[in-house]
Amino acid sequence: MTIPLEDIRVDESVATSGPWQAVVWNDPVNLMSYVVHVFRAYFGYSRARAEHLMLLVHHEGHAVVAEGAREQMELHVQAMHDFGLWATVRKAET
């Protein structure tokens, strides 16, 4: 007896369509000056932009540090993890 398998198709364009966001979260470990350093060194942000994002992380609990294609945001999040920061990828609200 053969059991028919369902033909399930996933529309990958829906699953990966953007934009996506790289979000850095506040943590009890890293100094504010270090977070600014990471944003400047990795993203190439100006001191003012990096400090603004760091203050969002500190006061709001998180900040969107980049937005774009999912694969690129996953690379950014991995880089933040490599620097010791807490970060996640999320779908941007449109």
PDB file of N, CA and C in Angstrom:
ATOM      1  N   MET A   1       0.850  -1.178   0.000  1.00  0.00           N
ATOM      2  CA  MET A   1       0.000   0.000   0.000  1.00  0.00           C
ATOM      3  C   MET A   1       0.894   1.239   0.000  1.00  0.00           C
ATOM      4  N   THR A   2       0.580   2.164  -0.866  1.00  0.00           N
ATOM      5  CA  THR A   2       1.339   3.405  -0.958  1.00  0.00           C
ATOM      6  C   THR A   2       0.500   4.545  -0.406  1.00  0.00           C
ATOM      7  N   ILE A   3       1.132   5.318   0.480  1.00  0.00           N
ATOM      8  CA  ILE A   3       0.445   6.478   1.049  1.00  0.00           C
ATOM      9  C   ILE A   3       0.890   7.710   0.268  1.00  0.00           C
ATOM     10  N   PRO A   4      -0.043   8.420  -0.322  1.00  0.00           N
ATOM     11  CA  PRO A   4       0.342   9.602  -1.100  1.00  0.00           C
ATOM     12  C   PRO A   4       0.866  10.709  -0.181  1.00  0.00           C
ATOM     13  N   LEU A   5       1.917  11.355  -0.624  1.00  0.00           N
ATOM     14  CA  LEU A   5       2.472  12.481   0.120  1.00  0.00           C
ATOM     15  C   LEU A   5       1.838  13.765  -0.377  1.00  0.00           C
ATOM     16  N   GLU A   6       1.634  14.666   0.555  1.00  0.00           N
ATOM     17  CA  GLU A   6       1.087  15.954   0.159  1.00  0.00           C
ATOM     18  C   GLU A   6       2.155  16.746  -0.592  1.00  0.00           C
ATOM     19  N   ASP A   7       1.709  17.454  -1.586  1.00  0.00           N
ATOM     20  CA  ASP A   7       2.616  18.315  -2.334  1.00  0.00           C
ATOM     21  C   ASP A   7       2.584  19.690  -1.669  1.00  0.00           C
ATOM     22  N   ILE A   8       3.526  19.909  -0.778  1.00  0.00           N
ATOM     23  CA  ILE A   8       3.582  21.172  -0.049  1.00  0.00           C
ATOM     24  C   ILE A   8       4.647  22.047  -0.690  1.00  0.00           C
ATOM     25  N   ARG A   9       4.228  23.205  -1.128  1.00  0.00           N
ATOM     26  CA  ARG A   9       5.166  24.138  -1.751  1.00  0.00           C
ATOM     27  C   ARG A   9       5.278  25.369  -0.868  1.00  0.00           C
ATOM     28  N   VAL A  10       6.503  25.762  -0.656  1.00  0.00           N
ATOM     29  CA  VAL A  10       6.763  26.944   0.152  1.00  0.00           C
ATOM     30  C   VAL A  10       7.187  28.063  -0.787  1.00  0.00           C
ATOM     31  N   ASP A  11       6.529  29.166  -0.658  1.00  0.00           N
ATOM     32  CA  ASP A  11       6.901  30.332  -1.455  1.00  0.00           C
ATOM     33  C   ASP A  11       8.044  31.030  -0.727  1.00  0.00           C
ATOM     34  N   GLU A  12       9.269  30.731  -1.140  1.00  0.00           N
ATOM     35  CA  GLU A  12      10.436  31.277  -0.454  1.00  0.00           C
ATOM     36  C   GLU A  12      10.527  32.788  -0.584  1.00  0.00           C
ATOM     37  N   SER A  13       9.949  33.361  -1.621  1.00  0.00           N
ATOM     38  CA  SER A  13      10.003  34.809  -1.759  1.00  0.00           C
ATOM     39  C   SER A  13       9.227  35.489  -0.638  1.00  0.00           C
ATOM     40  N   VAL A  14       8.163  34.850  -0.152  1.00  0.00           N
ATOM     41  CA  VAL A  14       7.408  35.400   0.965  1.00  0.00           C
ATOM     42  C   VAL A  14       8.206  35.245   2.257  1.00  0.00           C
ATOM     43  N   ALA A  15       8.853  34.109   2.435  1.00  0.00           N
ATOM     44  CA  ALA A  15       9.590  33.840   3.664  1.00  0.00           C
ATOM     45  C   ALA A  15      10.817  34.726   3.812  1.00  0.00           C
ATOM     46  N   THR A  16      11.404  35.145   2.692  1.00  0.00           N
ATOM     47  CA  THR A  16      12.640  35.920   2.786  1.00  0.00           C
ATOM     48  C   THR A  16      12.482  37.362   2.330  1.00  0.00           C
ATOM     49  N   SER A  17      11.276  37.734   1.867  1.00  0.00           N
ATOM     50  CA  SER A  17      11.109  39.109   1.406  1.00  0.00           C
ATOM     51  C   SER A  17      11.292  40.064   2.574  1.00  0.00           C
ATOM     52  N   GLY A  18      11.777  41.211   2.279  1.00  0.00           N
ATOM     53  CA  GLY A  18      12.158  42.132   3.337  1.00  0.00           C
ATOM     54  C   GLY A  18      11.215  43.286   3.443  1.00  0.00           C
ATOM     55  N   PRO A  19      11.646  44.254   4.148  1.00  0.00           N
ATOM     56  CA  PRO A  19      12.974  44.295   4.757  1.00  0.00           C
ATOM     57  C   PRO A  19      13.006  43.585   6.111  1.00  0.00           C
ATOM     58  N   TRP A  20      14.207  43.245   6.509  1.00  0.00           N
ATOM     59  CA  TRP A  20      14.478  42.625   7.802  1.00  0.00           C
ATOM     60  C   TRP A  20      15.348  43.580   8.602  1.00  0.00           C
ATOM     61  N   GLN A  21      15.390  43.372   9.896  1.00  0.00           N
ATOM     62  CA  GLN A  21      16.162  44.252  10.770  1.00  0.00           C
ATOM     63  C   GLN A  21      17.111  43.466  11.645  1.00  0.00           C
ATOM     64  N   ALA A  22      18.272  44.054  11.879  1.00  0.00           N
ATOM     65  CA  ALA A  22      19.207  43.555  12.889  1.00  0.00           C
ATOM     66  C   ALA A  22      18.977  44.415  14.125  1.00  0.00           C
ATOM     67  N   VAL A  23      18.646  43.774  15.238  1.00  0.00           N
ATOM     68  CA  VAL A  23      18.315  44.481  16.469  1.00  0.00           C
ATOM     69  C   VAL A  23      19.337  44.112  17.539  1.00  0.00           C
ATOM     70  N   VAL A  24      19.912  45.131  18.178  1.00  0.00           N
ATOM     71  CA  VAL A  24      20.827  44.909  19.303  1.00  0.00           C
ATOM     72  C   VAL A  24      20.055  45.203  20.576  1.00  0.00           C
ATOM     73  N   TRP A  25      20.209  44.310  21.554  1.00  0.00           N
ATOM     74  CA  TRP A  25      19.474  44.386  22.816  1.00  0.00           C
ATOM     75  C   TRP A  25      20.398  44.795  23.951  1.00  0.00           C
ATOM     76  N   ASN A  26      19.813  45.449  24.944  1.00  0.00           N
ATOM     77  CA  ASN A  26      20.563  45.845  26.132  1.00  0.00           C
ATOM     78  C   ASN A  26      21.007  44.594  26.896  1.00  0.00           C
ATOM     79  N   ASP A  27      22.161  44.671  27.497  1.00  0.00           N
ATOM     80  CA  ASP A  27      22.637  43.562  28.317  1.00  0.00           C
ATOM     81  C   ASP A  27      23.360  44.136  29.526  1.00  0.00           C
ATOM     82  N   PRO A  28      23.525  43.344  30.573  1.00  0.00           N
ATOM     83  CA  PRO A  28      24.157  43.843  31.792  1.00  0.00           C
ATOM     84  C   PRO A  28      25.684  43.749  31.777  1.00  0.00           C
ATOM     85  N   VAL A  29      26.266  43.403  30.649  1.00  0.00           N
ATOM     86  CA  VAL A  29      27.696  43.105  30.608  1.00  0.00           C
ATOM     87  C   VAL A  29      28.522  44.196  29.940  1.00  0.00           C
ATOM     88  N   ASN A  30      28.117  44.613  28.753  1.00  0.00           N
ATOM     89  CA  ASN A  30      28.961  45.495  27.938  1.00  0.00           C
ATOM     90  C   ASN A  30      28.828  46.965  28.322  1.00  0.00           C
ATOM     91  N   LEU A  31      29.963  47.647  28.350  1.00  0.00           N
ATOM     92  CA  LEU A  31      29.987  49.071  28.630  1.00  0.00           C
ATOM     93  C   LEU A  31      29.442  49.852  27.441  1.00  0.00           C
ATOM     94  N   MET A  32      28.859  51.001  27.718  1.00  0.00           N
ATOM     95  CA  MET A  32      28.309  51.839  26.660  1.00  0.00           C
ATOM     96  C   MET A  32      29.401  52.241  25.669  1.00  0.00           C
ATOM     97  N   SER A  33      30.587  52.521  26.165  1.00  0.00           N
ATOM     98  CA  SER A  33      31.690  52.912  25.285  1.00  0.00           C
ATOM     99  C   SER A  33      32.078  51.767  24.348  1.00  0.00           C
ATOM    100  N   TYR A  34      31.982  50.542  24.833  1.00  0.00           N
ATOM    101  CA  TYR A  34      32.289  49.387  23.990  1.00  0.00           C
ATOM    102  C   TYR A  34      31.244  49.231  22.887  1.00  0.00           C
ATOM    103  N   VAL A  35      29.965  49.414  23.223  1.00  0.00           N
ATOM    104  CA  VAL A  35      28.899  49.304  22.233  1.00  0.00           C
ATOM    105  C   VAL A  35      29.096  50.354  21.134  1.00  0.00           C
ATOM    106  N   VAL A  36      29.454  51.577  21.522  1.00  0.00           N
ATOM    107  CA  VAL A  36      29.741  52.625  20.542  1.00  0.00           C
ATOM    108  C   VAL A  36      30.908  52.192  19.661  1.00  0.00           C
ATOM    109  N   HIS A  37      31.949  51.651  20.278  1.00  0.00           N
ATOM    110  CA  HIS A  37      33.111  51.170  19.518  1.00  0.00           C
ATOM    111  C   HIS A  37      32.705  50.121  18.485  1.00  0.00           C
ATOM    112  N   VAL A  38      31.879  49.157  18.883  1.00  0.00           N
ATOM    113  CA  VAL A  38      31.439  48.095  17.974  1.00  0.00           C
ATOM    114  C   VAL A  38      30.662  48.688  16.804  1.00  0.00           C
ATOM    115  N   PHE A  39      29.722  49.582  17.082  1.00  0.00           N
ATOM    116  CA  PHE A  39      28.917  50.181  16.017  1.00  0.00           C
ATOM    117  C   PHE A  39      29.785  50.974  15.045  1.00  0.00           C
ATOM    118  N   ARG A  40      30.786  51.645  15.558  1.00  0.00           N
ATOM    119  CA  ARG A  40      31.680  52.425  14.692  1.00  0.00           C
ATOM    120  C   ARG A  40      32.599  51.495  13.890  1.00  0.00           C
ATOM    121  N   ALA A  41      33.171  50.502  14.567  1.00  0.00           N
ATOM    122  CA  ALA A  41      34.135  49.616  13.914  1.00  0.00           C
ATOM    123  C   ALA A  41      33.464  48.709  12.881  1.00  0.00           C
ATOM    124  N   TYR A  42      32.335  48.127  13.225  1.00  0.00           N
ATOM    125  CA  TYR A  42      31.705  47.164  12.330  1.00  0.00           C
ATOM    126  C   TYR A  42      30.874  47.846  11.243  1.00  0.00           C
ATOM    127  N   PHE A  43      29.986  48.755  11.637  1.00  0.00           N
ATOM    128  CA  PHE A  43      29.083  49.380  10.668  1.00  0.00           C
ATOM    129  C   PHE A  43      29.681  50.623  10.014  1.00  0.00           C
ATOM    130  N   GLY A  44      30.729  51.178  10.614  1.00  0.00           N
ATOM    131  CA  GLY A  44      31.325  52.395  10.079  1.00  0.00           C
ATOM    132  C   GLY A  44      30.504  53.637  10.388  1.00  0.00           C
ATOM    133  N   TYR A  45      29.659  53.562  11.429  1.00  0.00           N
ATOM    134  CA  TYR A  45      28.825  54.698  11.784  1.00  0.00           C
ATOM    135  C   TYR A  45      29.672  55.820  12.376  1.00  0.00           C
ATOM    136  N   SER A  46      29.196  57.036  12.201  1.00  0.00           N
ATOM    137  CA  SER A  46      29.850  58.188  12.831  1.00  0.00           C
ATOM    138  C   SER A  46      29.717  58.056  14.348  1.00  0.00           C
ATOM    139  N   ARG A  47      30.532  58.808  15.072  1.00  0.00           N
ATOM    140  CA  ARG A  47      30.440  58.776  16.534  1.00  0.00           C
ATOM    141  C   ARG A  47      29.031  59.161  16.976  1.00  0.00           C
ATOM    142  N   ALA A  48      28.460  60.201  16.373  1.00  0.00           N
ATOM    143  CA  ALA A  48      27.122  60.658  16.761  1.00  0.00           C
ATOM    144  C   ALA A  48      26.069  59.578  16.520  1.00  0.00           C
ATOM    145  N   ARG A  49      26.120  58.915  15.363  1.00  0.00           N
ATOM    146  CA  ARG A  49      25.149  57.858  15.050  1.00  0.00           C
ATOM    147  C   ARG A  49      25.318  56.669  15.995  1.00  0.00           C
ATOM    148  N   ALA A  50      26.559  56.278  16.227  1.00  0.00           N
ATOM    149  CA  ALA A  50      26.834  55.148  17.119  1.00  0.00           C
ATOM    150  C   ALA A  50      26.382  55.453  18.550  1.00  0.00           C
ATOM    151  N   GLU A  51      26.616  56.671  19.005  1.00  0.00           N
ATOM    152  CA  GLU A  51      26.186  57.041  20.359  1.00  0.00           C
ATOM    153  C   GLU A  51      24.668  57.084  20.457  1.00  0.00           C
ATOM    154  N   HIS A  52      24.006  57.592  19.413  1.00  0.00           N
ATOM    155  CA  HIS A  52      22.543  57.629  19.396  1.00  0.00           C
ATOM    156  C   HIS A  52      21.974  56.208  19.506  1.00  0.00           C
ATOM    157  N   LEU A  53      22.495  55.293  18.702  1.00  0.00           N
ATOM    158  CA  LEU A  53      22.020  53.904  18.749  1.00  0.00           C
ATOM    159  C   LEU A  53      22.308  53.264  20.097  1.00  0.00           C
ATOM    160  N   MET A  54      23.491  53.522  20.645  1.00  0.00           N
ATOM    161  CA  MET A  54      23.830  52.971  21.961  1.00  0.00           C
ATOM    162  C   MET A  54      22.855  53.476  23.016  1.00  0.00           C
ATOM    163  N   LEU A  55      22.493  54.767  22.956  1.00  0.00           N
ATOM    164  CA  LEU A  55      21.553  55.321  23.942  1.00  0.00           C
ATOM    165  C   LEU A  55      20.164  54.715  23.779  1.00  0.00           C
ATOM    166  N   LEU A  56      19.753  54.413  22.552  1.00  0.00           N
ATOM    167  CA  LEU A  56      18.490  53.698  22.356  1.00  0.00           C
ATOM    168  C   LEU A  56      18.544  52.325  23.010  1.00  0.00           C
ATOM    169  N   VAL A  57      19.643  51.620  22.796  1.00  0.00           N
ATOM    170  CA  VAL A  57      19.817  50.308  23.423  1.00  0.00           C
ATOM    171  C   VAL A  57      19.726  50.450  24.943  1.00  0.00           C
ATOM    172  N   HIS A  58      20.426  51.434  25.470  1.00  0.00           N
ATOM    173  CA  HIS A  58      20.499  51.618  26.921  1.00  0.00           C
ATOM    174  C   HIS A  58      19.145  52.028  27.522  1.00  0.00           C
ATOM    175  N   HIS A  59      18.467  52.996  26.900  1.00  0.00           N
ATOM    176  CA  HIS A  59      17.232  53.539  27.484  1.00  0.00           C
ATOM    177  C   HIS A  59      15.968  52.804  27.044  1.00  0.00           C
ATOM    178  N   GLU A  60      15.926  52.350  25.789  1.00  0.00           N
ATOM    179  CA  GLU A  60      14.730  51.686  25.279  1.00  0.00           C
ATOM    180  C   GLU A  60      14.821  50.161  25.355  1.00  0.00           C
ATOM    181  N   GLY A  61      16.030  49.649  25.588  1.00  0.00           N
ATOM    182  CA  GLY A  61      16.219  48.205  25.685  1.00  0.00           C
ATOM    183  C   GLY A  61      16.693  47.554  24.405  1.00  0.00           C
ATOM    184  N   HIS A  62      16.577  48.266  23.284  1.00  0.00           N
ATOM    185  CA  HIS A  62      17.026  47.724  22.006  1.00  0.00           C
ATOM    186  C   HIS A  62      17.105  48.844  20.976  1.00  0.00           C
ATOM    187  N   ALA A  63      17.793  48.559  19.873  1.00  0.00           N
ATOM    188  CA  ALA A  63      17.856  49.494  18.750  1.00  0.00           C
ATOM    189  C   ALA A  63      18.023  48.720  17.460  1.00  0.00           C
ATOM    190  N   VAL A  64      17.377  49.195  16.414  1.00  0.00           N
ATOM    191  CA  VAL A  64      17.572  48.641  15.077  1.00  0.00           C
ATOM    192  C   VAL A  64      18.858  49.257  14.539  1.00  0.00           C
ATOM    193  N   VAL A  65      19.852  48.412  14.295  1.00  0.00           N
ATOM    194  CA  VAL A  65      21.152  48.914  13.853  1.00  0.00           C
ATOM    195  C   VAL A  65      21.356  48.782  12.352  1.00  0.00           C
ATOM    196  N   ALA A  66      20.507  47.985  11.684  1.00  0.00           N
ATOM    197  CA  ALA A  66      20.599  47.836  10.232  1.00  0.00           C
ATOM    198  C   ALA A  66      19.286  47.266   9.720  1.00  0.00           C
ATOM    199  N   GLU A  67      19.010  47.521   8.445  1.00  0.00           N
ATOM    200  CA  GLU A  67      17.801  47.018   7.816  1.00  0.00           C
ATOM    201  C   GLU A  67      18.116  46.654   6.373  1.00  0.00           C
ATOM    202  N   GLY A  68      17.578  45.513   5.931  1.00  0.00           N
ATOM    203  CA  GLY A  68      17.815  45.083   4.563  1.00  0.00           C
ATOM    204  C   GLY A  68      17.420  43.638   4.358  1.00  0.00           C
ATOM    205  N   ALA A  69      18.139  42.968   3.468  1.00  0.00           N
ATOM    206  CA  ALA A  69      17.859  41.570   3.148  1.00  0.00           C
ATOM    207  C   ALA A  69      18.121  40.676   4.356  1.00  0.00           C
ATOM    208  N   ARG A  70      17.331  39.649   4.485  1.00  0.00           N
ATOM    209  CA  ARG A  70      17.435  38.757   5.644  1.00  0.00           C
ATOM    210  C   ARG A  70      18.838  38.181   5.804  1.00  0.00           C
ATOM    211  N   GLU A  71      19.419  37.717   4.705  1.00  0.00           N
ATOM    212  CA  GLU A  71      20.744  37.093   4.789  1.00  0.00           C
ATOM    213  C   GLU A  71      21.785  38.078   5.319  1.00  0.00           C
ATOM    214  N   GLN A  72      21.706  39.331   4.879  1.00  0.00           N
ATOM    215  CA  GLN A  72      22.647  40.339   5.351  1.00  0.00           C
ATOM    216  C   GLN A  72      22.428  40.635   6.827  1.00  0.00           C
ATOM    217  N   MET A  73      21.163  40.678   7.259  1.00  0.00           N
ATOM    218  CA  MET A  73      20.877  40.940   8.675  1.00  0.00           C
ATOM    219  C   MET A  73      21.368  39.790   9.552  1.00  0.00           C
ATOM    220  N   GLU A  74      21.274  38.561   9.030  1.00  0.00           N
ATOM    221  CA  GLU A  74      21.795  37.415   9.782  1.00  0.00           C
ATOM    222  C   GLU A  74      23.310  37.521   9.938  1.00  0.00           C
ATOM    223  N   LEU A  75      23.986  38.005   8.899  1.00  0.00           N
ATOM    224  CA  LEU A  75      25.442  38.217   9.005  1.00  0.00           C
ATOM    225  C   LEU A  75      25.760  39.292  10.034  1.00  0.00           C
ATOM    226  N   HIS A  76      24.993  40.379  10.037  1.00  0.00           N
ATOM    227  CA  HIS A  76      25.212  41.442  11.016  1.00  0.00           C
ATOM    228  C   HIS A  76      24.993  40.927  12.444  1.00  0.00           C
ATOM    229  N   VAL A  77      23.936  40.154  12.622  1.00  0.00           N
ATOM    230  CA  VAL A  77      23.640  39.614  13.955  1.00  0.00           C
ATOM    231  C   VAL A  77      24.761  38.678  14.411  1.00  0.00           C
ATOM    232  N   GLN A  78      25.250  37.848  13.517  1.00  0.00           N
ATOM    233  CA  GLN A  78      26.362  36.966  13.873  1.00  0.00           C
ATOM    234  C   GLN A  78      27.588  37.786  14.260  1.00  0.00           C
ATOM    235  N   ALA A  79      27.840  38.857  13.535  1.00  0.00           N
ATOM    236  CA  ALA A  79      28.973  39.729  13.869  1.00  0.00           C
ATOM    237  C   ALA A  79      28.781  40.354  15.248  1.00  0.00           C
ATOM    238  N   MET A  80      27.555  40.778  15.561  1.00  0.00           N
ATOM    239  CA  MET A  80      27.300  41.347  16.894  1.00  0.00           C
ATOM    240  C   MET A  80      27.553  40.299  17.976  1.00  0.00           C
ATOM    241  N   HIS A  81      27.141  39.066  17.718  1.00  0.00           N
ATOM    242  CA  HIS A  81      27.415  37.981  18.668  1.00  0.00           C
ATOM    243  C   HIS A  81      28.920  37.783  18.830  1.00  0.00           C
ATOM    244  N   ASP A  82      29.649  37.859  17.719  1.00  0.00           N
ATOM    245  CA  ASP A  82      31.106  37.702  17.782  1.00  0.00           C
ATOM    246  C   ASP A  82      31.749  38.795  18.624  1.00  0.00           C
ATOM    247  N   PHE A  83      31.141  39.985  18.646  1.00  0.00           N
ATOM    248  CA  PHE A  83      31.624  41.080  19.487  1.00  0.00           C
ATOM    249  C   PHE A  83      31.112  40.957  20.921  1.00  0.00           C
ATOM    250  N   GLY A  84      30.257  39.986  21.187  1.00  0.00           N
ATOM    251  CA  GLY A  84      29.742  39.790  22.540  1.00  0.00           C
ATOM    252  C   GLY A  84      28.459  40.539  22.841  1.00  0.00           C
ATOM    253  N   LEU A  85      27.792  41.069  21.805  1.00  0.00           N
ATOM    254  CA  LEU A  85      26.533  41.781  22.010  1.00  0.00           C
ATOM    255  C   LEU A  85      25.357  40.839  21.764  1.00  0.00           C
ATOM    256  N   TRP A  86      24.239  41.152  22.408  1.00  0.00           N
ATOM    257  CA  TRP A  86      23.012  40.395  22.188  1.00  0.00           C
ATOM    258  C   TRP A  86      22.289  41.008  20.995  1.00  0.00           C
ATOM    259  N   ALA A  87      21.956  40.191  20.006  1.00  0.00           N
ATOM    260  CA  ALA A  87      21.292  40.703  18.806  1.00  0.00           C
ATOM    261  C   ALA A  87      20.407  39.628  18.197  1.00  0.00           C
ATOM    262  N   THR A  88      19.374  40.092  17.490  1.00  0.00           N
ATOM    263  CA  THR A  88      18.452  39.189  16.810  1.00  0.00           C
ATOM    264  C   THR A  88      18.064  39.785  15.463  1.00  0.00           C
ATOM    265  N   VAL A  89      17.483  38.933  14.613  1.00  0.00           N
ATOM    266  CA  VAL A  89      16.914  39.359  13.338  1.00  0.00           C
ATOM    267  C   VAL A  89      15.407  39.334  13.484  1.00  0.00           C
ATOM    268  N   ARG A  90      14.763  40.363  12.932  1.00  0.00           N
ATOM    269  CA  ARG A  90      13.287  40.367  12.920  1.00  0.00           C
ATOM    270  C   ARG A  90      12.813  41.000  11.618  1.00  0.00           C
ATOM    271  N   LYS A  91      11.603  40.624  11.227  1.00  0.00           N
ATOM    272  CA  LYS A  91      10.996  41.198  10.035  1.00  0.00           C
ATOM    273  C   LYS A  91      10.567  42.612  10.379  1.00  0.00           C
ATOM    274  N   ALA A  92      10.892  43.547   9.513  1.00  0.00           N
ATOM    275  CA  ALA A  92      10.516  44.938   9.737  1.00  0.00           C
ATOM    276  C   ALA A  92       9.013  45.095   9.576  1.00  0.00           C
ATOM    277  N   GLU A  93       8.449  45.976  10.367  1.00  0.00           N
ATOM    278  CA  GLU A  93       7.033  46.291  10.226  1.00  0.00           C
ATOM    279  C   GLU A  93       6.883  47.238   9.060  1.00  0.00           C
ATOM    280  N   THR A  94       5.941  46.916   8.188  1.00  0.00           N
ATOM    281  CA  THR A  94       5.757  47.773   7.008  1.00  0.00           C
ATOM    282  C   THR A  94       4.440  48.493   7.058  1.00  0.00           C
TER     283      THR A  94
END
